[in-house]
Amino acid sequence: MPLKEFAERRNILHRKSDPQTVLRHALTDVQIGKHAIVSSFGAESVVLLHMAAQIAKNTPVIFLDTEMLFPETLRYQHDVASALGLTDIRVISPDRTAVLTEDVDGLLHQADTDACCNLRKTRPLEQALQGFEGWVTGRKQYHGGQRARLPLFEKDGRRIKVNPLVHWDATQLREYIAVHDLPRHPLVAKGYPSVGCMPCTTRIGDHEPARAGRWRDSVKTECGIHRAAPQRAAPDVAAR
């Protein structure tokens, strides 16, 4: 079955499912194949990771260490993995030769943020996903931009990509974290509701969207590991 049709059928099947059900399906369905979770260990990441830990603590989790992350993120990654008992965290770094060739002084982000993301995230992730038929992300529609019409399941090149939390909003995420007493990223309390690399992440104002601090004063809104989301009709909220 073509991947696009497969994804559309899964979207129909899970149109009323909760995130835990969608995630369990993604991680256990032999028709989908082997999946990994790709996590930034950012502000909201602990929700999806906690759900995964309830299903299988040995779920492969790919963490892209761009070598430009906040020290708080690196500590948080270690703390969350330990707290949840996740046993297969794969810390992926950019290719050393490529970095020395393309960004030896670490200033590429000042000249070309897309090239920097490609070097430090897109290419390393593609390499890390070799051997997987799909991957799971923590993206949500409430983030806006190209994420506003995200489906639960989508075709991503030759893989299936699954977004179990796509219909959840900030309130639901906070409530889940509170109910399960999950560790919060330390930068959230300092005004960073969305956390990326240090050079391209700033605090946000009181009335700004959560991702306003990412690539501020730029038209860029995504790092590049996610292709543009398919344009489709918004889901029927009443049906969920």
Protein backbone atom coordinates (compact mmCIF):
# COMPACT_ATOMS: atom_id res chain seq x y z
CA MET A 1 0.00 0.00 0.00
CA PRO A 2 1.36 3.48 -0.85
CA LEU A 3 2.52 5.34 2.26
CA LYS A 4 0.22 8.30 1.67
CA GLU A 5 -2.84 6.04 1.53
CA PHE A 6 -1.59 4.12 4.57
CA ALA A 7 -1.28 7.36 6.57
CA GLU A 8 -4.74 8.53 5.51
CA ARG A 9 -6.30 5.24 6.62
CA ARG A 10 -4.58 5.50 10.00
CA ASN A 11 -5.88 9.06 10.37
CA ILE A 12 -9.43 7.80 9.86
CA LEU A 13 -8.89 4.89 12.24
CA HIS A 14 -7.59 7.14 15.03
CA ARG A 15 -9.72 10.23 14.49
CA LYS A 16 -11.20 9.77 18.01
CA SER A 17 -8.19 8.17 19.70
CA ASP A 18 -6.26 9.70 22.59
CA PRO A 19 -2.51 10.33 22.24
CA GLN A 20 -1.57 7.25 24.25
CA THR A 21 -3.54 4.99 21.90
CA VAL A 22 -2.01 6.61 18.82
CA LEU A 23 1.50 6.28 20.24
CA ARG A 24 1.00 2.65 21.24
CA HIS A 25 -0.22 1.87 17.74
CA ALA A 26 2.78 3.64 16.20
CA LEU A 27 5.26 1.73 18.36
CA THR A 28 3.69 -1.72 18.06
CA ASP A 29 1.96 -1.97 14.67
CA VAL A 30 3.98 -4.38 12.52
CA GLN A 31 2.44 -2.87 9.39
CA ILE A 32 3.98 0.49 10.24
CA GLY A 33 7.37 -1.03 11.03
CA LYS A 34 10.12 0.03 13.38
CA HIS A 35 9.70 3.55 14.79
CA ALA A 36 11.89 5.86 16.84
CA ILE A 37 10.85 8.90 18.84
CA VAL A 38 12.76 12.04 17.92
CA SER A 39 12.87 14.36 20.92
CA SER A 40 14.47 17.74 21.54
CA PHE A 41 14.06 17.28 25.32
CA GLY A 42 12.57 20.75 25.16
CA ALA A 43 9.81 22.50 27.05
CA GLU A 44 7.01 20.00 26.31
CA SER A 45 8.98 16.89 25.40
CA VAL A 46 8.51 15.11 28.71
CA VAL A 47 4.81 14.43 27.96
CA LEU A 48 5.46 12.24 24.92
CA LEU A 49 8.48 10.63 26.56
CA HIS A 50 6.46 9.73 29.65
CA MET A 51 3.76 8.16 27.47
CA ALA A 52 6.42 6.15 25.65
CA ALA A 53 7.94 4.96 28.92
CA GLN A 54 4.54 3.55 29.93
CA ILE A 55 4.47 1.48 26.73
CA ALA A 56 8.10 0.34 26.48
CA LYS A 57 11.06 1.82 28.31
CA ASN A 58 13.39 0.51 25.60
CA THR A 59 11.70 2.61 22.89
CA PRO A 60 14.47 4.15 20.76
CA VAL A 61 14.67 7.89 21.44
CA ILE A 62 16.85 10.01 19.17
CA PHE A 63 18.19 13.21 20.74
CA LEU A 64 19.98 15.63 18.42
CA ASP A 65 22.81 17.33 20.27
CA THR A 66 23.60 20.15 17.86
CA GLU A 67 26.54 21.20 20.06
CA MET A 68 24.81 24.56 20.40
CA LEU A 69 22.17 23.61 22.95
CA PHE A 70 21.64 25.29 26.30
CA PRO A 71 23.52 23.57 29.14
CA GLU A 72 20.14 23.29 30.87
CA THR A 73 18.84 21.17 27.98
CA LEU A 74 21.76 18.76 28.22
CA ARG A 75 21.24 18.31 31.96
CA TYR A 76 17.49 17.99 31.47
CA GLN A 77 17.97 15.25 28.88
CA HIS A 78 19.95 13.20 31.35
CA ASP A 79 17.53 13.87 34.22
CA VAL A 80 14.39 13.00 32.22
CA ALA A 81 15.86 9.79 30.79
CA SER A 82 16.84 8.72 34.29
CA ALA A 83 13.52 9.69 35.89
CA LEU A 84 11.46 7.86 33.26
CA GLY A 85 13.75 4.83 33.04
CA LEU A 86 14.26 5.18 29.29
CA THR A 87 17.02 2.77 28.28
CA ASP A 88 17.65 3.49 24.59
CA ILE A 89 18.54 7.18 24.30
CA ARG A 90 20.61 7.76 21.16
CA VAL A 91 22.51 11.04 21.40
CA ILE A 92 23.35 12.13 17.86
CA SER A 93 25.88 14.85 17.04
CA PRO A 94 26.79 16.46 13.71
CA ASP A 95 29.55 14.86 11.66
CA ARG A 96 32.90 16.12 12.94
CA THR A 97 34.48 16.44 9.49
CA ALA A 98 31.45 18.33 8.17
CA VAL A 99 31.54 20.75 11.10
CA LEU A 100 35.24 21.46 10.62
CA THR A 101 34.65 21.99 6.90
CA GLU A 102 31.46 24.04 7.01
CA ASP A 103 31.41 25.74 10.42
CA VAL A 104 34.86 25.60 11.97
CA ASP A 105 34.33 28.84 13.94
CA GLY A 106 30.78 28.01 15.04
CA LEU A 107 29.35 31.14 13.44
CA LEU A 108 27.48 29.66 10.47
CA HIS A 109 24.15 30.46 12.15
CA GLN A 110 24.91 34.17 11.86
CA ALA A 111 25.25 33.97 8.09
CA ASP A 112 22.80 31.20 7.16
CA THR A 113 20.48 29.65 9.74
CA ASP A 114 19.14 27.13 7.24
CA ALA A 115 22.64 25.87 6.44
CA CYS A 116 23.42 25.62 10.14
CA CYS A 117 20.26 23.59 10.84
CA ASN A 118 21.01 21.37 7.86
CA LEU A 119 24.52 20.69 9.15
CA ARG A 120 23.61 20.17 12.79
CA LYS A 121 20.11 18.67 12.64
CA THR A 122 18.72 17.59 9.27
CA ARG A 123 21.67 15.55 8.03
CA PRO A 124 22.47 13.92 11.39
CA LEU A 125 18.81 12.96 11.85
CA GLU A 126 18.56 11.39 8.41
CA GLN A 127 21.60 9.29 9.23
CA ALA A 128 20.17 8.33 12.64
CA LEU A 129 16.86 7.25 11.10
CA GLN A 130 18.50 4.68 8.85
CA GLY A 131 16.88 1.34 9.66
CA PHE A 132 13.62 2.88 10.86
CA GLU A 133 10.40 2.81 8.84
CA GLY A 134 8.96 5.76 10.72
CA TRP A 135 9.38 8.26 13.50
CA VAL A 136 7.32 9.95 16.17
CA THR A 137 7.34 13.67 16.93
CA GLY A 138 5.85 15.90 19.63
CA ARG A 139 4.47 18.58 17.30
CA LYS A 140 1.05 20.11 17.98
CA GLN A 141 -1.40 22.13 15.92
CA TYR A 142 -1.61 24.86 18.55
CA HIS A 143 1.98 25.86 17.71
CA GLY A 144 0.56 27.45 14.58
CA GLY A 145 2.36 28.15 11.32
CA GLN A 146 2.78 25.09 9.11
CA ARG A 147 1.82 22.95 12.13
CA ALA A 148 -1.73 24.30 12.32
CA ARG A 149 -3.15 21.55 10.08
CA LEU A 150 -0.91 18.66 11.02
CA PRO A 151 -2.45 15.18 10.80
CA LEU A 152 -1.81 12.36 13.25
CA PHE A 153 -0.11 10.26 10.58
CA GLU A 154 1.69 11.58 7.53
CA LYS A 155 3.95 10.41 4.76
CA ASP A 156 7.48 11.73 5.20
CA GLY A 157 9.57 10.72 2.23
CA ARG A 158 9.90 6.96 2.44
CA ARG A 159 8.77 6.86 6.08
CA ILE A 160 5.62 7.32 8.14
CA LYS A 161 5.70 10.14 10.67
CA VAL A 162 3.35 10.13 13.65
CA ASN A 163 2.29 13.13 15.73
CA PRO A 164 0.32 11.71 18.70
CA LEU A 165 -0.06 15.04 20.54
CA VAL A 166 -1.23 16.98 17.51
CA HIS A 167 -4.63 17.92 18.99
CA TRP A 168 -3.47 18.82 22.50
CA ASP A 169 -3.09 22.43 23.60
CA ALA A 170 -0.85 24.07 26.20
CA THR A 171 -3.37 23.59 28.99
CA GLN A 172 -3.68 19.85 28.41
CA LEU A 173 0.10 19.51 28.35
CA ARG A 174 0.52 21.42 31.61
CA GLU A 175 -2.20 19.35 33.25
CA TYR A 176 -0.57 16.10 32.16
CA ILE A 177 2.79 17.22 33.52
CA ALA A 178 1.19 18.24 36.82
CA VAL A 179 -0.87 15.06 37.23
CA HIS A 180 2.17 12.85 36.66
CA ASP A 181 4.55 15.14 38.55
CA LEU A 182 6.99 15.25 35.64
CA PRO A 183 10.20 17.31 35.66
CA ARG A 184 9.95 20.64 33.83
CA HIS A 185 12.66 22.07 31.61
CA PRO A 186 14.40 24.68 33.83
CA LEU A 187 14.22 27.34 31.09
CA VAL A 188 10.41 27.32 31.01
CA ALA A 189 10.25 29.29 34.27
CA LYS A 190 12.71 31.79 32.79
CA GLY A 191 10.49 32.73 29.84
CA TYR A 192 11.40 30.07 27.29
CA PRO A 193 8.24 28.05 26.47
CA SER A 194 9.99 26.71 23.36
CA VAL A 195 13.65 25.77 23.60
CA GLY A 196 16.07 25.26 20.72
CA CYS A 197 19.73 26.12 20.18
CA MET A 198 21.18 28.96 22.26
CA PRO A 199 22.05 31.34 19.39
CA CYS A 200 18.56 31.13 17.86
CA THR A 201 16.30 31.06 20.95
CA THR A 202 15.19 34.04 23.01
CA ARG A 203 12.72 34.67 25.81
CA ILE A 204 9.21 35.68 24.80
CA GLY A 205 6.97 38.49 25.98
CA ASP A 206 3.81 38.00 28.04
CA HIS A 207 1.45 38.01 25.05
CA GLU A 208 3.63 36.36 22.40
CA PRO A 209 3.04 32.87 20.96
CA ALA A 210 5.08 30.04 22.46
CA ARG A 211 7.43 29.78 19.47
CA ALA A 212 7.97 33.52 19.00
CA GLY A 213 11.42 33.22 20.52
CA ARG A 214 12.65 30.81 17.87
CA TRP A 215 14.62 32.52 15.09
CA ARG A 216 13.29 35.90 16.21
CA ASP A 217 13.06 38.63 13.55
CA SER A 218 13.31 35.98 10.85
CA VAL A 219 10.85 34.37 8.46
CA LYS A 220 12.25 31.02 9.54
CA THR A 221 9.88 29.01 11.76
CA GLU A 222 11.18 25.43 11.43
CA CYS A 223 14.65 23.91 11.64
CA GLY A 224 14.18 21.81 8.52
CA ILE A 225 13.82 18.28 9.88
CA HIS A 226 10.09 18.56 9.22
CA ARG A 227 8.93 18.95 5.66
CA ALA A 228 5.99 21.27 5.06
CA ALA A 229 2.82 19.79 6.52
CA PRO A 230 0.16 18.66 4.01
CA GLN A 231 -2.69 21.09 3.55
CA ARG A 232 -5.95 19.46 4.57
CA ALA A 233 -9.22 20.44 6.12
CA ALA A 234 -9.10 21.11 9.84
CA PRO A 235 -10.32 18.12 11.90
CA ASP A 236 -13.81 18.07 13.31
CA VAL A 237 -13.18 19.00 16.94
CA ALA A 238 -16.59 17.75 17.97
CA ALA A 239 -15.73 14.31 16.64
CA ARG A 240 -12.71 13.90 18.92
